[in-house]
């Protein structure tokens, strides 16, 4: 069953990431009500596969009701399925809509990749032990945290948690990654704001259950050999994530009240230095 999560009138971590990157794009996507200028968020191939991976890893018993796996249209020149952006694939997808009965269609190669990622996540020793425990688990939990500013104003923050185990005080989040080794994944966490996500989710669950939680990331390489790692963030990283989401909420409230959605570099000409590339 499709979730109404995206319809919840609240700010999410992914929205804050967009605000940090481009306030103007944030405005065009989430604020403006003018149909002529509004940008619609589109589901990408990575997002589609990511949703399938999460279900295969956490709630595999529901997969068949939500997804249909098909071979897809084969390009006779390459003997591989046409890409999703090709007209051939789009025509095939439209023709297969009746067969799918409302389910999301995955081609067999996508399913095989998603299943490999899910199985690697499930096989990590610590994650496997946690999942095998008898503790009650909640998957794809939607929650709204009321964020209060110093002025007393409140704005809701929404989150959708992969797995919550209240009795263990634990949140588990699955991330596919180009490189799940500690150094590389740490940089990915910085780039994608995972430290900010963890801080928001921890604050939400601690407010809901009135006791401390830990946040465990399960990181899996998105290509062979699909190795998996499990990471907790250190207190300094979580504190930095908490400050960052607080600062971005302040910026959101300020921009919303002033109507100024431009970055400083959009407002006036400035001098820049063209970087030089190393040649050796």
Protein backbone atom coordinates (compact mmCIF):
# COMPACT_ATOMS: atom_id res chain seq x y z
CA UNK A 1 0.00 0.00 0.00
CA UNK A 2 1.38 3.40 -0.97
CA UNK A 3 2.31 5.61 1.93
CA UNK A 4 1.07 9.18 2.41
CA UNK A 5 4.38 10.13 4.01
CA UNK A 6 5.25 12.63 1.29
CA UNK A 7 1.93 14.38 1.87
CA UNK A 8 2.67 15.08 5.54
CA UNK A 9 3.01 18.85 5.95
CA UNK A 10 6.38 18.88 7.71
CA UNK A 11 10.07 19.37 6.99
CA UNK A 12 12.28 16.31 6.45
CA UNK A 13 16.03 15.73 6.51
CA UNK A 14 16.11 15.38 2.71
CA UNK A 15 14.35 18.75 2.45
CA UNK A 16 16.96 20.30 4.74
CA UNK A 17 19.68 18.82 2.52
CA UNK A 18 18.13 20.59 -0.46
CA UNK A 19 17.80 23.83 1.51
CA UNK A 20 21.50 23.62 2.39
CA UNK A 21 22.48 23.01 -1.24
CA UNK A 22 20.09 25.43 -2.98
CA UNK A 23 17.46 27.56 -1.20
CA UNK A 24 16.09 28.60 -4.59
CA UNK A 25 15.53 24.99 -5.67
CA UNK A 26 13.96 24.33 -2.26
CA UNK A 27 11.57 27.22 -2.86
CA UNK A 28 10.66 25.98 -6.35
CA UNK A 29 10.09 22.45 -5.08
CA UNK A 30 8.39 22.88 -1.70
CA UNK A 31 7.21 26.46 -1.22
CA UNK A 32 5.80 28.05 -4.36
CA UNK A 33 2.16 27.35 -5.21
CA UNK A 34 2.47 28.67 -8.76
CA UNK A 35 2.02 25.68 -11.10
CA UNK A 36 4.07 27.44 -13.79
CA UNK A 37 7.23 27.53 -11.68
CA UNK A 38 6.79 24.57 -9.32
CA UNK A 39 9.32 21.76 -9.68
CA UNK A 40 7.97 18.27 -9.04
CA UNK A 41 10.12 15.71 -7.28
CA UNK A 42 10.55 12.65 -9.50
CA UNK A 43 11.39 9.12 -8.43
CA UNK A 44 14.82 8.19 -9.77
CA UNK A 45 16.05 4.70 -10.61
CA UNK A 46 18.19 4.80 -7.46
CA UNK A 47 15.19 5.75 -5.30
CA UNK A 48 13.05 3.01 -6.86
CA UNK A 49 15.70 0.37 -6.31
CA UNK A 50 16.39 1.71 -2.82
CA UNK A 51 12.76 1.23 -1.81
CA UNK A 52 12.85 -2.34 -3.13
CA UNK A 53 16.11 -3.07 -1.28
CA UNK A 54 14.65 -1.84 2.01
CA UNK A 55 11.62 -4.09 1.65
CA UNK A 56 13.73 -7.10 0.66
CA UNK A 57 16.04 -6.51 3.63
CA UNK A 58 13.48 -5.65 6.31
CA UNK A 59 10.06 -6.92 5.25
CA UNK A 60 10.63 -9.52 2.50
CA UNK A 61 7.23 -11.12 3.16
CA UNK A 62 5.58 -7.99 1.72
CA UNK A 63 7.68 -7.81 -1.43
CA UNK A 64 5.39 -9.83 -3.70
CA UNK A 65 2.40 -7.62 -2.94
CA UNK A 66 4.30 -4.43 -3.78
CA UNK A 67 6.60 -5.47 -6.64
CA UNK A 68 6.48 -7.51 -9.83
CA UNK A 69 9.74 -8.83 -11.33
CA UNK A 70 9.81 -9.15 -15.14
CA UNK A 71 12.52 -9.76 -17.74
CA UNK A 72 11.96 -6.43 -19.47
CA UNK A 73 12.28 -5.59 -23.18
CA UNK A 74 15.54 -6.92 -24.64
CA UNK A 75 17.66 -4.86 -26.99
CA UNK A 76 18.65 -7.34 -29.75
CA UNK A 77 21.89 -5.45 -30.39
CA UNK A 78 23.19 -5.70 -26.82
CA UNK A 79 21.09 -8.67 -25.67
CA UNK A 80 20.38 -6.69 -22.50
CA UNK A 81 17.21 -4.87 -21.40
CA UNK A 82 16.63 -1.40 -22.81
CA UNK A 83 17.33 1.43 -20.36
CA UNK A 84 14.41 2.88 -18.42
CA UNK A 85 14.79 6.21 -20.24
CA UNK A 86 14.41 4.65 -23.70
CA UNK A 87 11.14 4.86 -25.63
CA UNK A 88 11.20 1.07 -26.02
CA UNK A 89 11.27 0.56 -22.27
CA UNK A 90 8.58 3.19 -21.64
CA UNK A 91 6.29 1.55 -24.19
CA UNK A 92 6.91 -1.88 -22.64
CA UNK A 93 6.28 -0.52 -19.16
CA UNK A 94 2.98 1.01 -20.24
CA UNK A 95 1.91 -2.26 -21.87
CA UNK A 96 2.84 -4.18 -18.69
CA UNK A 97 0.78 -1.93 -16.40
CA UNK A 98 -2.28 -4.20 -16.54
CA UNK A 99 -0.17 -7.24 -15.65
CA UNK A 100 1.40 -5.46 -12.69
CA UNK A 101 -1.99 -4.78 -11.01
CA UNK A 102 -0.67 -1.63 -9.36
CA UNK A 103 2.63 -3.11 -8.25
CA UNK A 104 5.98 -1.47 -9.03
CA UNK A 105 7.76 -3.26 -11.86
CA UNK A 106 11.41 -4.22 -11.49
CA UNK A 107 13.39 -5.86 -14.25
CA UNK A 108 15.17 -9.05 -13.25
CA UNK A 109 18.64 -7.45 -13.17
CA UNK A 110 17.40 -4.75 -10.78
CA UNK A 111 15.84 -7.40 -8.55
CA UNK A 112 19.04 -9.48 -8.50
CA UNK A 113 21.09 -6.44 -7.48
CA UNK A 114 18.57 -5.42 -4.82
CA UNK A 115 18.40 -8.93 -3.41
CA UNK A 116 22.20 -9.15 -3.18
CA UNK A 117 22.35 -5.86 -1.26
CA UNK A 118 19.54 -6.95 1.06
CA UNK A 119 21.13 -10.34 1.76
CA UNK A 120 24.49 -8.73 2.51
CA UNK A 121 22.82 -6.38 5.01
CA UNK A 122 20.99 -9.30 6.64
CA UNK A 123 24.17 -11.38 6.88
CA UNK A 124 26.26 -8.82 8.79
CA UNK A 125 26.91 -10.58 12.15
CA UNK A 126 25.72 -7.76 14.44
CA UNK A 127 22.69 -6.87 12.33
CA UNK A 128 21.76 -10.56 11.97
CA UNK A 129 21.89 -11.01 15.75
CA UNK A 130 19.72 -7.95 16.34
CA UNK A 131 17.16 -8.99 13.75
CA UNK A 132 17.03 -12.52 15.18
CA UNK A 133 16.22 -11.23 18.65
CA UNK A 134 12.69 -11.54 19.98
CA UNK A 135 12.46 -7.80 20.62
CA UNK A 136 9.49 -6.11 18.94
CA UNK A 137 10.49 -4.29 15.77
CA UNK A 138 8.72 -1.57 13.81
CA UNK A 139 9.57 -1.11 10.13
CA UNK A 140 9.10 1.99 7.98
CA UNK A 141 7.86 3.89 11.03
CA UNK A 142 6.58 7.38 10.22
CA UNK A 143 6.94 9.96 12.96
CA UNK A 144 6.58 13.72 13.37
CA UNK A 145 8.72 15.68 15.83
CA UNK A 146 7.49 19.12 16.89
CA UNK A 147 10.55 21.38 16.71
CA UNK A 148 10.37 24.46 18.93
CA UNK A 149 12.37 27.61 18.18
CA UNK A 150 13.64 30.00 20.86
CA UNK A 151 10.75 32.32 19.95
CA UNK A 152 8.24 29.62 20.83
CA UNK A 153 7.29 29.00 17.19
CA UNK A 154 6.90 25.32 16.31
CA UNK A 155 7.47 23.58 12.97
CA UNK A 156 7.05 19.85 12.46
CA UNK A 157 9.95 17.64 11.40
CA UNK A 158 8.97 14.34 9.81
CA UNK A 159 10.99 11.17 9.54
CA UNK A 160 10.53 7.67 8.18
CA UNK A 161 12.64 5.17 10.08
CA UNK A 162 13.74 1.88 8.52
CA UNK A 163 13.68 -0.11 11.75
CA UNK A 164 12.96 0.88 15.34
CA UNK A 165 13.40 -1.49 18.29
CA UNK A 166 12.08 0.41 21.32
CA UNK A 167 13.01 -2.16 23.98
CA UNK A 168 16.65 -2.09 22.82
CA UNK A 169 16.66 1.68 22.34
CA UNK A 170 17.87 1.15 18.80
CA UNK A 171 17.28 2.61 15.33
CA UNK A 172 18.68 0.75 12.31
CA UNK A 173 19.05 2.41 8.91
CA UNK A 174 20.11 0.71 5.68
CA UNK A 175 22.32 2.65 3.27
CA UNK A 176 23.67 1.40 -0.05
CA UNK A 177 27.04 2.92 -0.86
CA UNK A 178 29.72 3.05 -3.52
CA UNK A 179 32.27 2.30 -0.83
CA UNK A 180 31.27 1.15 2.69
CA UNK A 181 34.81 1.18 4.11
CA UNK A 182 35.12 3.43 7.20
CA UNK A 183 37.03 6.35 5.66
CA UNK A 184 35.03 6.54 2.41
CA UNK A 185 31.67 6.03 4.10
CA UNK A 186 32.48 8.72 6.63
CA UNK A 187 32.85 11.20 3.78
CA UNK A 188 29.55 9.96 2.30
CA UNK A 189 27.89 10.55 5.66
CA UNK A 190 29.15 14.13 5.59
CA UNK A 191 28.11 14.69 1.97
CA UNK A 192 24.58 13.32 2.38
CA UNK A 193 23.95 14.61 5.88
CA UNK A 194 23.63 11.22 7.57
CA UNK A 195 24.88 12.73 10.84
CA UNK A 196 22.01 15.22 10.63
CA UNK A 197 19.51 12.45 9.83
CA UNK A 198 20.69 10.40 12.81
CA UNK A 199 20.34 13.39 15.15
CA UNK A 200 16.79 14.12 13.97
CA UNK A 201 15.70 10.48 14.24
CA UNK A 202 17.27 10.06 17.68
CA UNK A 203 15.56 13.21 18.96
CA UNK A 204 12.24 12.00 17.51
CA UNK A 205 12.42 8.55 19.09
CA UNK A 206 13.69 9.81 22.44
CA UNK A 207 10.77 12.26 22.55
CA UNK A 208 8.34 9.47 21.63
CA UNK A 209 9.58 6.81 24.03
CA UNK A 210 11.18 8.94 26.78
CA UNK A 211 14.43 6.98 26.93
CA UNK A 212 17.80 7.10 25.11
CA UNK A 213 18.34 5.52 21.69
CA UNK A 214 21.35 4.54 19.58
CA UNK A 215 21.48 4.81 15.79
CA UNK A 216 23.10 2.00 13.78
CA UNK A 217 23.82 2.38 10.05
CA UNK A 218 24.04 -0.74 7.92
CA UNK A 219 26.16 0.25 4.90
CA UNK A 220 26.35 -2.10 1.90
CA UNK A 221 28.35 -1.70 -1.30
CA UNK A 222 25.88 -1.26 -4.16
CA UNK A 223 27.94 -3.42 -6.55
CA UNK A 224 29.81 -6.70 -6.26
CA UNK A 225 31.12 -7.96 -3.89
CA UNK A 226 28.33 -6.27 -1.84
CA UNK A 227 30.31 -6.22 1.40
CA UNK A 228 28.50 -4.81 4.44
CA UNK A 229 29.55 -2.73 7.44
CA UNK A 230 27.77 -1.43 10.54
CA UNK A 231 28.51 1.98 12.01
CA UNK A 232 27.57 4.05 15.04
CA UNK A 233 28.42 7.75 14.84
CA UNK A 234 30.56 9.20 17.61
CA UNK A 235 29.02 11.83 19.95
CA UNK A 236 30.84 14.73 18.25
CA UNK A 237 29.35 13.79 14.86
CA UNK A 238 25.86 13.53 16.34
CA UNK A 239 26.23 16.87 18.10
CA UNK A 240 27.38 18.44 14.83
CA UNK A 241 24.38 16.91 13.06
CA UNK A 242 22.06 18.26 15.76
CA UNK A 243 23.52 21.78 15.44
CA UNK A 244 23.32 21.59 11.65
CA UNK A 245 19.66 20.65 11.57
CA UNK A 246 18.92 23.32 14.16
CA UNK A 247 20.73 25.96 12.06
CA UNK A 248 18.91 24.84 8.91
CA UNK A 249 15.55 25.00 10.68
CA UNK A 250 16.43 28.57 11.74
CA UNK A 251 17.32 29.39 8.13
CA UNK A 252 14.06 27.82 6.90
CA UNK A 253 11.98 29.88 9.33
CA UNK A 254 13.86 33.05 8.45
CA UNK A 255 13.57 32.57 4.69
CA UNK A 256 9.91 31.63 5.02
CA UNK A 257 9.18 34.83 6.96
CA UNK A 258 11.22 37.15 4.69
CA UNK A 259 10.45 35.47 1.37
CA UNK A 260 14.16 35.60 0.48
CA UNK A 261 15.13 32.29 -1.11
CA UNK A 262 18.30 33.44 -2.89
CA UNK A 263 21.82 32.42 -1.96
CA UNK A 264 24.33 35.22 -1.48
CA UNK A 265 26.08 34.36 -4.76
CA UNK A 266 22.81 34.95 -6.64
CA UNK A 267 22.48 38.55 -5.43
CA UNK A 268 25.55 40.30 -6.79
CA UNK A 269 28.62 39.80 -8.94
CA UNK A 270 31.71 38.55 -7.19
CA UNK A 271 35.29 37.77 -8.06
CA UNK A 272 36.35 34.15 -8.13
CA UNK A 273 39.55 32.26 -8.79
CA UNK A 274 39.49 29.48 -11.35
CA UNK A 275 41.00 26.38 -9.71
CA UNK A 276 43.98 24.74 -11.35
CA UNK A 277 44.19 21.02 -11.88
CA UNK A 278 47.29 19.06 -10.94
CA UNK A 279 49.04 17.70 -14.00
CA UNK A 280 51.32 15.18 -12.27
